[in-house]
Amino acid sequence: QTMRRCWREAGLSAAVALGETPFISVLQGRCVGGSSVLT
C-alpha cells in the first residue's frame, strides 16, 4: 500500500547506466514530504 500510494511509479523507477553496470532502483516519493517520508 505504501508503494502504491507514496512512491513514484509504485517504486519501479530505475537509473540505467551504460555498459554492464547494473541498474539501480531510484527511491522517489510522490506524497506530501516527498522522498523524505520513504527514507
PDB file of all heavy atoms in Angstrom:
ATOM      1  N   GLN A   1       0.833  -1.205   0.000  1.00  0.00           N
ATOM      2  CA  GLN A   1       0.000   0.000   0.000  1.00  0.00           C
ATOM      3  C   GLN A   1       0.869   1.256   0.000  1.00  0.00           C
ATOM      4  O   GLN A   1       0.553   2.233  -0.679  1.00  0.00           O
ATOM      5  CB  GLN A   1      -0.925   0.005   1.219  1.00  0.00           C
ATOM      6  CG  GLN A   1      -2.019  -1.031   1.165  1.00  0.00           C
ATOM      7  CD  GLN A   1      -2.773  -1.129   2.486  1.00  0.00           C
ATOM      8  OE1 GLN A   1      -2.201  -1.002   3.568  1.00  0.00           O
ATOM      9  NE2 GLN A   1      -4.072  -1.379   2.398  1.00  0.00           N
ATOM     10  N   THR A   2       1.963   1.224   0.757  1.00  0.00           N
ATOM     11  CA  THR A   2       2.871   2.374   0.796  1.00  0.00           C
ATOM     12  C   THR A   2       3.470   2.614  -0.581  1.00  0.00           C
ATOM     13  O   THR A   2       3.529   3.755  -1.051  1.00  0.00           O
ATOM     14  CB  THR A   2       3.995   2.144   1.831  1.00  0.00           C
ATOM     15  OG1 THR A   2       3.405   1.934   3.104  1.00  0.00           O
ATOM     16  CG2 THR A   2       4.928   3.335   1.894  1.00  0.00           C
ATOM     17  N   MET A   3       3.897   1.551  -1.245  1.00  0.00           N
ATOM     18  CA  MET A   3       4.478   1.709  -2.586  1.00  0.00           C
ATOM     19  C   MET A   3       3.454   2.272  -3.562  1.00  0.00           C
ATOM     20  O   MET A   3       3.765   3.177  -4.338  1.00  0.00           O
ATOM     21  CB  MET A   3       5.019   0.373  -3.098  1.00  0.00           C
ATOM     22  CG  MET A   3       6.275  -0.070  -2.380  1.00  0.00           C
ATOM     23  SD  MET A   3       6.899  -1.642  -2.980  1.00  0.00           S
ATOM     24  CE  MET A   3       7.652  -1.108  -4.509  1.00  0.00           C
ATOM     25  N   ARG A   4       2.241   1.764  -3.515  1.00  0.00           N
ATOM     26  CA  ARG A   4       1.200   2.242  -4.444  1.00  0.00           C
ATOM     27  C   ARG A   4       0.818   3.694  -4.183  1.00  0.00           C
ATOM     28  O   ARG A   4       0.564   4.453  -5.112  1.00  0.00           O
ATOM     29  CB  ARG A   4      -0.045   1.375  -4.325  1.00  0.00           C
ATOM     30  CG  ARG A   4       0.112   0.024  -4.932  1.00  0.00           C
ATOM     31  CD  ARG A   4      -1.196  -0.742  -4.859  1.00  0.00           C
ATOM     32  NE  ARG A   4      -1.019  -2.050  -5.455  1.00  0.00           N
ATOM     33  CZ  ARG A   4      -1.644  -3.132  -5.051  1.00  0.00           C
ATOM     34  NH1 ARG A   4      -2.510  -3.071  -4.048  1.00  0.00           N
ATOM     35  NH2 ARG A   4      -1.437  -4.281  -5.637  1.00  0.00           N
ATOM     36  N   ARG A   5       0.779   4.069  -2.936  1.00  0.00           N
ATOM     37  CA  ARG A   5       0.254   5.381  -2.578  1.00  0.00           C
ATOM     38  C   ARG A   5       1.317   6.476  -2.465  1.00  0.00           C
ATOM     39  O   ARG A   5       1.025   7.641  -2.724  1.00  0.00           O
ATOM     40  CB  ARG A   5      -0.475   5.250  -1.241  1.00  0.00           C
ATOM     41  CG  ARG A   5      -1.277   6.447  -0.899  1.00  0.00           C
ATOM     42  CD  ARG A   5      -2.528   6.082  -0.196  1.00  0.00           C
ATOM     43  NE  ARG A   5      -3.133   7.297   0.292  1.00  0.00           N
ATOM     44  CZ  ARG A   5      -3.728   7.417   1.442  1.00  0.00           C
ATOM     45  NH1 ARG A   5      -3.833   6.384   2.230  1.00  0.00           N
ATOM     46  NH2 ARG A   5      -4.245   8.559   1.808  1.00  0.00           N
ATOM     47  N   CYS A   6       2.535   6.115  -2.081  1.00  0.00           N
ATOM     48  CA  CYS A   6       3.530   7.136  -1.750  1.00  0.00           C
ATOM     49  C   CYS A   6       4.769   7.137  -2.642  1.00  0.00           C
ATOM     50  O   CYS A   6       5.539   8.080  -2.596  1.00  0.00           O
ATOM     51  CB  CYS A   6       3.978   6.962  -0.304  1.00  0.00           C
ATOM     52  SG  CYS A   6       2.627   7.058   0.897  1.00  0.00           S
ATOM     53  N   TRP A   7       4.989   6.093  -3.408  1.00  0.00           N
ATOM     54  CA  TRP A   7       6.190   6.018  -4.236  1.00  0.00           C
ATOM     55  C   TRP A   7       5.861   6.412  -5.673  1.00  0.00           C
ATOM     56  O   TRP A   7       4.845   5.996  -6.218  1.00  0.00           O
ATOM     57  CB  TRP A   7       6.747   4.597  -4.265  1.00  0.00           C
ATOM     58  CG  TRP A   7       7.316   4.086  -2.986  1.00  0.00           C
ATOM     59  CD1 TRP A   7       6.829   4.266  -1.729  1.00  0.00           C
ATOM     60  CD2 TRP A   7       8.470   3.269  -2.851  1.00  0.00           C
ATOM     61  NE1 TRP A   7       7.608   3.615  -0.820  1.00  0.00           N
ATOM     62  CE2 TRP A   7       8.627   2.983  -1.483  1.00  0.00           C
ATOM     63  CE3 TRP A   7       9.381   2.734  -3.750  1.00  0.00           C
ATOM     64  CZ2 TRP A   7       9.654   2.208  -0.995  1.00  0.00           C
ATOM     65  CZ3 TRP A   7      10.408   1.963  -3.266  1.00  0.00           C
ATOM     66  CH2 TRP A   7      10.547   1.709  -1.901  1.00  0.00           C
ATOM     67  N   ARG A   8       6.755   7.178  -6.281  1.00  0.00           N
ATOM     68  CA  ARG A   8       6.592   7.499  -7.699  1.00  0.00           C
ATOM     69  C   ARG A   8       6.693   6.201  -8.486  1.00  0.00           C
ATOM     70  O   ARG A   8       7.553   5.370  -8.231  1.00  0.00           O
ATOM     71  CB  ARG A   8       7.681   8.471  -8.162  1.00  0.00           C
ATOM     72  CG  ARG A   8       7.613   8.768  -9.653  1.00  0.00           C
ATOM     73  CD  ARG A   8       8.580   9.846 -10.052  1.00  0.00           C
ATOM     74  NE  ARG A   8       8.377  11.086  -9.325  1.00  0.00           N
ATOM     75  CZ  ARG A   8       7.363  11.942  -9.526  1.00  0.00           C
ATOM     76  NH1 ARG A   8       6.458  11.685 -10.439  1.00  0.00           N
ATOM     77  NH2 ARG A   8       7.266  13.050  -8.825  1.00  0.00           N
ATOM     78  N   GLU A   9       5.780   6.032  -9.431  1.00  0.00           N
ATOM     79  CA  GLU A   9       5.730   4.846 -10.286  1.00  0.00           C
ATOM     80  C   GLU A   9       5.718   3.552  -9.469  1.00  0.00           C
ATOM     81  O   GLU A   9       6.283   2.533  -9.898  1.00  0.00           O
ATOM     82  CB  GLU A   9       6.875   4.849 -11.294  1.00  0.00           C
ATOM     83  CG  GLU A   9       6.817   6.050 -12.229  1.00  0.00           C
ATOM     84  CD  GLU A   9       7.999   6.150 -13.162  1.00  0.00           C
ATOM     85  OE1 GLU A   9       8.756   5.174 -13.302  1.00  0.00           O
ATOM     86  OE2 GLU A   9       8.169   7.215 -13.762  1.00  0.00           O
ATOM     87  N   ALA A  10       5.117   3.605  -8.281  1.00  0.00           N
ATOM     88  CA  ALA A  10       4.997   2.439  -7.398  1.00  0.00           C
ATOM     89  C   ALA A  10       6.341   1.772  -7.140  1.00  0.00           C
ATOM     90  O   ALA A  10       6.448   0.570  -6.976  1.00  0.00           O
ATOM     91  CB  ALA A  10       3.999   1.434  -7.970  1.00  0.00           C
ATOM     92  N   GLY A  11       7.408   2.576  -7.096  1.00  0.00           N
ATOM     93  CA  GLY A  11       8.732   2.053  -6.781  1.00  0.00           C
ATOM     94  C   GLY A  11       9.451   1.411  -7.944  1.00  0.00           C
ATOM     95  O   GLY A  11      10.459   0.741  -7.757  1.00  0.00           O
ATOM     96  N   LEU A  12       8.962   1.619  -9.151  1.00  0.00           N
ATOM     97  CA  LEU A  12       9.572   0.976 -10.310  1.00  0.00           C
ATOM     98  C   LEU A  12      10.549   1.872 -11.060  1.00  0.00           C
ATOM     99  O   LEU A  12      11.041   1.493 -12.114  1.00  0.00           O
ATOM    100  CB  LEU A  12       8.476   0.477 -11.267  1.00  0.00           C
ATOM    101  CG  LEU A  12       7.525  -0.548 -10.651  1.00  0.00           C
ATOM    102  CD1 LEU A  12       6.438  -0.929 -11.644  1.00  0.00           C
ATOM    103  CD2 LEU A  12       8.292  -1.787 -10.208  1.00  0.00           C
ATOM    104  N   SER A  13      10.842   3.056 -10.537  1.00  0.00           N
ATOM    105  CA  SER A  13      11.813   3.943 -11.182  1.00  0.00           C
ATOM    106  C   SER A  13      13.204   3.349 -11.061  1.00  0.00           C
ATOM    107  O   SER A  13      13.568   2.792 -10.035  1.00  0.00           O
ATOM    108  CB  SER A  13      11.813   5.327 -10.519  1.00  0.00           C
ATOM    109  OG  SER A  13      10.533   5.896 -10.605  1.00  0.00           O
ATOM    110  N   ALA A  14      13.983   3.482 -12.119  1.00  0.00           N
ATOM    111  CA  ALA A  14      15.335   2.934 -12.083  1.00  0.00           C
ATOM    112  C   ALA A  14      16.268   3.823 -12.881  1.00  0.00           C
ATOM    113  O   ALA A  14      15.858   4.476 -13.833  1.00  0.00           O
ATOM    114  CB  ALA A  14      15.355   1.519 -12.652  1.00  0.00           C
ATOM    115  N   ALA A  15      17.519   3.851 -12.456  1.00  0.00           N
ATOM    116  CA  ALA A  15      18.578   4.522 -13.205  1.00  0.00           C
ATOM    117  C   ALA A  15      19.347   3.435 -13.938  1.00  0.00           C
ATOM    118  O   ALA A  15      19.809   2.475 -13.325  1.00  0.00           O
ATOM    119  CB  ALA A  15      19.496   5.288 -12.259  1.00  0.00           C
ATOM    120  N   VAL A  16      19.437   3.568 -15.246  1.00  0.00           N
ATOM    121  CA  VAL A  16      20.127   2.569 -16.053  1.00  0.00           C
ATOM    122  C   VAL A  16      21.445   3.175 -16.517  1.00  0.00           C
ATOM    123  O   VAL A  16      21.470   4.215 -17.169  1.00  0.00           O
ATOM    124  CB  VAL A  16      19.270   2.137 -17.257  1.00  0.00           C
ATOM    125  CG1 VAL A  16      19.983   1.076 -18.074  1.00  0.00           C
ATOM    126  CG2 VAL A  16      17.905   1.629 -16.785  1.00  0.00           C
ATOM    127  N   ALA A  17      22.520   2.521 -16.171  1.00  0.00           N
ATOM    128  CA  ALA A  17      23.847   3.012 -16.530  1.00  0.00           C
ATOM    129  C   ALA A  17      24.258   2.453 -17.889  1.00  0.00           C
ATOM    130  O   ALA A  17      23.588   1.603 -18.466  1.00  0.00           O
ATOM    131  CB  ALA A  17      24.851   2.605 -15.458  1.00  0.00           C
ATOM    132  N   LEU A  18      25.376   2.911 -18.375  1.00  0.00           N
ATOM    133  CA  LEU A  18      25.919   2.423 -19.638  1.00  0.00           C
ATOM    134  C   LEU A  18      26.710   1.149 -19.419  1.00  0.00           C
ATOM    135  O   LEU A  18      27.220   0.890 -18.333  1.00  0.00           O
ATOM    136  CB  LEU A  18      26.824   3.500 -20.254  1.00  0.00           C
ATOM    137  CG  LEU A  18      26.148   4.831 -20.564  1.00  0.00           C
ATOM    138  CD1 LEU A  18      27.172   5.839 -21.033  1.00  0.00           C
ATOM    139  CD2 LEU A  18      25.057   4.646 -21.610  1.00  0.00           C
ATOM    140  N   GLY A  19      26.843   0.363 -20.440  1.00  0.00           N
ATOM    141  CA  GLY A  19      27.663  -0.838 -20.358  1.00  0.00           C
ATOM    142  C   GLY A  19      27.039  -1.910 -19.496  1.00  0.00           C
ATOM    143  O   GLY A  19      25.830  -2.105 -19.475  1.00  0.00           O
ATOM    144  N   GLU A  20      27.876  -2.612 -18.760  1.00  0.00           N
ATOM    145  CA  GLU A  20      27.442  -3.748 -17.955  1.00  0.00           C
ATOM    146  C   GLU A  20      27.076  -3.375 -16.521  1.00  0.00           C
ATOM    147  O   GLU A  20      26.814  -4.244 -15.701  1.00  0.00           O
ATOM    148  CB  GLU A  20      28.540  -4.822 -17.939  1.00  0.00           C
ATOM    149  CG  GLU A  20      28.822  -5.414 -19.306  1.00  0.00           C
ATOM    150  CD  GLU A  20      27.584  -6.090 -19.900  1.00  0.00           C
ATOM    151  OE1 GLU A  20      26.890  -6.832 -19.173  1.00  0.00           O
ATOM    152  OE2 GLU A  20      27.306  -5.844 -21.089  1.00  0.00           O
ATOM    153  N   THR A  21      27.086  -2.100 -16.196  1.00  0.00           N
ATOM    154  CA  THR A  21      26.732  -1.668 -14.848  1.00  0.00           C
ATOM    155  C   THR A  21      25.265  -1.980 -14.585  1.00  0.00           C
ATOM    156  O   THR A  21      24.416  -1.696 -15.423  1.00  0.00           O
ATOM    157  CB  THR A  21      26.980  -0.149 -14.698  1.00  0.00           C
ATOM    158  OG1 THR A  21      28.314   0.123 -15.061  1.00  0.00           O
ATOM    159  CG2 THR A  21      26.718   0.314 -13.293  1.00  0.00           C
ATOM    160  N   PRO A  22      24.941  -2.559 -13.458  1.00  0.00           N
ATOM    161  CA  PRO A  22      23.532  -2.906 -13.193  1.00  0.00           C
ATOM    162  C   PRO A  22      22.689  -1.655 -12.966  1.00  0.00           C
ATOM    163  O   PRO A  22      23.207  -0.596 -12.620  1.00  0.00           O
ATOM    164  CB  PRO A  22      23.622  -3.744 -11.911  1.00  0.00           C
ATOM    165  CG  PRO A  22      24.891  -3.332 -11.273  1.00  0.00           C
ATOM    166  CD  PRO A  22      25.831  -2.934 -12.378  1.00  0.00           C
ATOM    167  N   PHE A  23      21.394  -1.809 -13.194  1.00  0.00           N
ATOM    168  CA  PHE A  23      20.506  -0.676 -12.942  1.00  0.00           C
ATOM    169  C   PHE A  23      20.303  -0.526 -11.440  1.00  0.00           C
ATOM    170  O   PHE A  23      20.486  -1.462 -10.669  1.00  0.00           O
ATOM    171  CB  PHE A  23      19.176  -0.842 -13.671  1.00  0.00           C
ATOM    172  CG  PHE A  23      18.231  -1.818 -13.043  1.00  0.00           C
ATOM    173  CD1 PHE A  23      17.315  -1.387 -12.095  1.00  0.00           C
ATOM    174  CD2 PHE A  23      18.254  -3.158 -13.395  1.00  0.00           C
ATOM    175  CE1 PHE A  23      16.442  -2.283 -11.503  1.00  0.00           C
ATOM    176  CE2 PHE A  23      17.381  -4.064 -12.807  1.00  0.00           C
ATOM    177  CZ  PHE A  23      16.476  -3.621 -11.867  1.00  0.00           C
ATOM    178  N   ILE A  24      19.942   0.671 -11.037  1.00  0.00           N
ATOM    179  CA  ILE A  24      19.748   0.983  -9.628  1.00  0.00           C
ATOM    180  C   ILE A  24      18.314   1.455  -9.445  1.00  0.00           C
ATOM    181  O   ILE A  24      17.849   2.344 -10.167  1.00  0.00           O
ATOM    182  CB  ILE A  24      20.713   2.096  -9.166  1.00  0.00           C
ATOM    183  CG1 ILE A  24      22.154   1.652  -9.345  1.00  0.00           C
ATOM    184  CG2 ILE A  24      20.433   2.486  -7.720  1.00  0.00           C
ATOM    185  CD1 ILE A  24      23.154   2.781  -9.149  1.00  0.00           C
ATOM    186  N   SER A  25      17.620   0.871  -8.504  1.00  0.00           N
ATOM    187  CA  SER A  25      16.279   1.316  -8.173  1.00  0.00           C
ATOM    188  C   SER A  25      16.378   2.706  -7.542  1.00  0.00           C
ATOM    189  O   SER A  25      17.193   2.932  -6.655  1.00  0.00           O
ATOM    190  CB  SER A  25      15.631   0.337  -7.186  1.00  0.00           C
ATOM    191  OG  SER A  25      14.349   0.794  -6.836  1.00  0.00           O
ATOM    192  N   VAL A  26      15.570   3.629  -8.011  1.00  0.00           N
ATOM    193  CA  VAL A  26      15.622   5.003  -7.530  1.00  0.00           C
ATOM    194  C   VAL A  26      14.393   5.272  -6.667  1.00  0.00           C
ATOM    195  O   VAL A  26      13.263   5.198  -7.147  1.00  0.00           O
ATOM    196  CB  VAL A  26      15.678   6.011  -8.704  1.00  0.00           C
ATOM    197  CG1 VAL A  26      15.708   7.433  -8.188  1.00  0.00           C
ATOM    198  CG2 VAL A  26      16.879   5.726  -9.584  1.00  0.00           C
ATOM    199  N   LEU A  27      14.627   5.563  -5.415  1.00  0.00           N
ATOM    200  CA  LEU A  27      13.548   5.834  -4.477  1.00  0.00           C
ATOM    201  C   LEU A  27      13.091   7.278  -4.653  1.00  0.00           C
ATOM    202  O   LEU A  27      13.869   8.212  -4.430  1.00  0.00           O
ATOM    203  CB  LEU A  27      14.047   5.615  -3.047  1.00  0.00           C
ATOM    204  CG  LEU A  27      13.072   5.910  -1.928  1.00  0.00           C
ATOM    205  CD1 LEU A  27      11.910   4.935  -1.973  1.00  0.00           C
ATOM    206  CD2 LEU A  27      13.776   5.807  -0.594  1.00  0.00           C
ATOM    207  N   GLN A  28      11.851   7.445  -5.090  1.00  0.00           N
ATOM    208  CA  GLN A  28      11.290   8.776  -5.272  1.00  0.00           C
ATOM    209  C   GLN A  28       9.901   8.821  -4.649  1.00  0.00           C
ATOM    210  O   GLN A  28       9.059   7.982  -4.961  1.00  0.00           O
ATOM    211  CB  GLN A  28      11.169   9.107  -6.760  1.00  0.00           C
ATOM    212  CG  GLN A  28      12.476   9.125  -7.505  1.00  0.00           C
ATOM    213  CD  GLN A  28      12.239   9.385  -8.968  1.00  0.00           C
ATOM    214  OE1 GLN A  28      12.062  10.522  -9.370  1.00  0.00           O
ATOM    215  NE2 GLN A  28      12.213   8.326  -9.760  1.00  0.00           N
ATOM    216  N   GLY A  29       9.700   9.783  -3.793  1.00  0.00           N
ATOM    217  CA  GLY A  29       8.401   9.913  -3.160  1.00  0.00           C
ATOM    218  C   GLY A  29       7.413  10.644  -4.038  1.00  0.00           C
ATOM    219  O   GLY A  29       7.782  11.488  -4.841  1.00  0.00           O
ATOM    220  N   ARG A  30       6.159  10.316  -3.873  1.00  0.00           N
ATOM    221  CA  ARG A  30       5.068  11.014  -4.533  1.00  0.00           C
ATOM    222  C   ARG A  30       3.969  11.184  -3.493  1.00  0.00           C
ATOM    223  O   ARG A  30       2.922  10.565  -3.540  1.00  0.00           O
ATOM    224  CB  ARG A  30       4.558  10.229  -5.732  1.00  0.00           C
ATOM    225  CG  ARG A  30       3.625  11.041  -6.624  1.00  0.00           C
ATOM    226  CD  ARG A  30       3.029  10.161  -7.658  1.00  0.00           C
ATOM    227  NE  ARG A  30       2.209   9.150  -6.975  1.00  0.00           N
ATOM    228  CZ  ARG A  30       1.045   8.724  -7.405  1.00  0.00           C
ATOM    229  NH1 ARG A  30       0.561   9.149  -8.512  1.00  0.00           N
ATOM    230  NH2 ARG A  30       0.381   7.819  -6.717  1.00  0.00           N
ATOM    231  N   CYS A  31       4.297  12.003  -2.483  1.00  0.00           N
ATOM    232  CA  CYS A  31       3.377  12.272  -1.389  1.00  0.00           C
ATOM    233  C   CYS A  31       3.865  13.540  -0.700  1.00  0.00           C
ATOM    234  O   CYS A  31       4.975  13.992  -0.959  1.00  0.00           O
ATOM    235  CB  CYS A  31       3.336  11.104  -0.406  1.00  0.00           C
ATOM    236  SG  CYS A  31       4.927  10.691   0.323  1.00  0.00           S
ATOM    237  N   VAL A  32       3.042  14.100   0.156  1.00  0.00           N
ATOM    238  CA  VAL A  32       3.474  15.282   0.901  1.00  0.00           C
ATOM    239  C   VAL A  32       4.652  14.866   1.776  1.00  0.00           C
ATOM    240  O   VAL A  32       4.562  13.927   2.562  1.00  0.00           O
ATOM    241  CB  VAL A  32       2.319  15.862   1.747  1.00  0.00           C
ATOM    242  CG1 VAL A  32       2.832  16.978   2.656  1.00  0.00           C
ATOM    243  CG2 VAL A  32       1.209  16.366   0.839  1.00  0.00           C
ATOM    244  N   GLY A  33       5.773  15.533   1.602  1.00  0.00           N
ATOM    245  CA  GLY A  33       7.005  15.183   2.288  1.00  0.00           C
ATOM    246  C   GLY A  33       8.009  14.548   1.345  1.00  0.00           C
ATOM    247  O   GLY A  33       9.177  14.404   1.673  1.00  0.00           O
ATOM    248  N   GLY A  34       7.545  14.146   0.162  1.00  0.00           N
ATOM    249  CA  GLY A  34       8.428  13.596  -0.855  1.00  0.00           C
ATOM    250  C   GLY A  34       9.187  12.365  -0.405  1.00  0.00           C
ATOM    251  O   GLY A  34       8.732  11.586   0.424  1.00  0.00           O
ATOM    252  N   SER A  35      10.370  12.202  -0.959  1.00  0.00           N
ATOM    253  CA  SER A  35      11.186  11.018  -0.674  1.00  0.00           C
ATOM    254  C   SER A  35      11.587  10.930   0.791  1.00  0.00           C
ATOM    255  O   SER A  35      11.870   9.840   1.288  1.00  0.00           O
ATOM    256  CB  SER A  35      12.443  11.026  -1.555  1.00  0.00           C
ATOM    257  OG  SER A  35      12.064  11.012  -2.917  1.00  0.00           O
ATOM    258  N   SER A  36      11.587  12.070   1.499  1.00  0.00           N
ATOM    259  CA  SER A  36      11.938  12.058   2.920  1.00  0.00           C
ATOM    260  C   SER A  36      11.027  11.146   3.721  1.00  0.00           C
ATOM    261  O   SER A  36      11.445  10.529   4.698  1.00  0.00           O
ATOM    262  CB  SER A  36      11.875  13.477   3.499  1.00  0.00           C
ATOM    263  OG  SER A  36      12.742  14.324   2.822  1.00  0.00           O
ATOM    264  N   VAL A  37       9.771  11.053   3.312  1.00  0.00           N
ATOM    265  CA  VAL A  37       8.819  10.188   4.002  1.00  0.00           C
ATOM    266  C   VAL A  37       9.256   8.733   3.875  1.00  0.00           C
ATOM    267  O   VAL A  37       9.155   7.950   4.814  1.00  0.00           O
ATOM    268  CB  VAL A  37       7.396  10.375   3.418  1.00  0.00           C
ATOM    269  CG1 VAL A  37       6.427   9.344   3.968  1.00  0.00           C
ATOM    270  CG2 VAL A  37       6.894  11.786   3.686  1.00  0.00           C
ATOM    271  N   LEU A  38       9.775   8.374   2.721  1.00  0.00           N
ATOM    272  CA  LEU A  38      10.105   6.979   2.436  1.00  0.00           C
ATOM    273  C   LEU A  38      11.451   6.553   2.993  1.00  0.00           C
ATOM    274  O   LEU A  38      11.695   5.366   3.160  1.00  0.00           O
ATOM    275  CB  LEU A  38      10.095   6.750   0.922  1.00  0.00           C
ATOM    276  CG  LEU A  38       8.815   7.190   0.217  1.00  0.00           C
ATOM    277  CD1 LEU A  38       8.955   6.987  -1.273  1.00  0.00           C
ATOM    278  CD2 LEU A  38       7.608   6.467   0.767  1.00  0.00           C
ATOM    279  N   THR A  39      12.321   7.482   3.270  1.00  0.00           N
ATOM    280  CA  THR A  39      13.657   7.133   3.754  1.00  0.00           C
ATOM    281  C   THR A  39      13.733   7.077   5.271  1.00  0.00           C
ATOM    282  O   THR A  39      14.822   6.939   5.824  1.00  0.00           O
ATOM    283  CB  THR A  39      14.706   8.152   3.259  1.00  0.00           C
ATOM    284  OG1 THR A  39      14.368   9.448   3.769  1.00  0.00           O
ATOM    285  CG2 THR A  39      14.782   8.179   1.752  1.00  0.00           C
TER     286      THR A  39
END
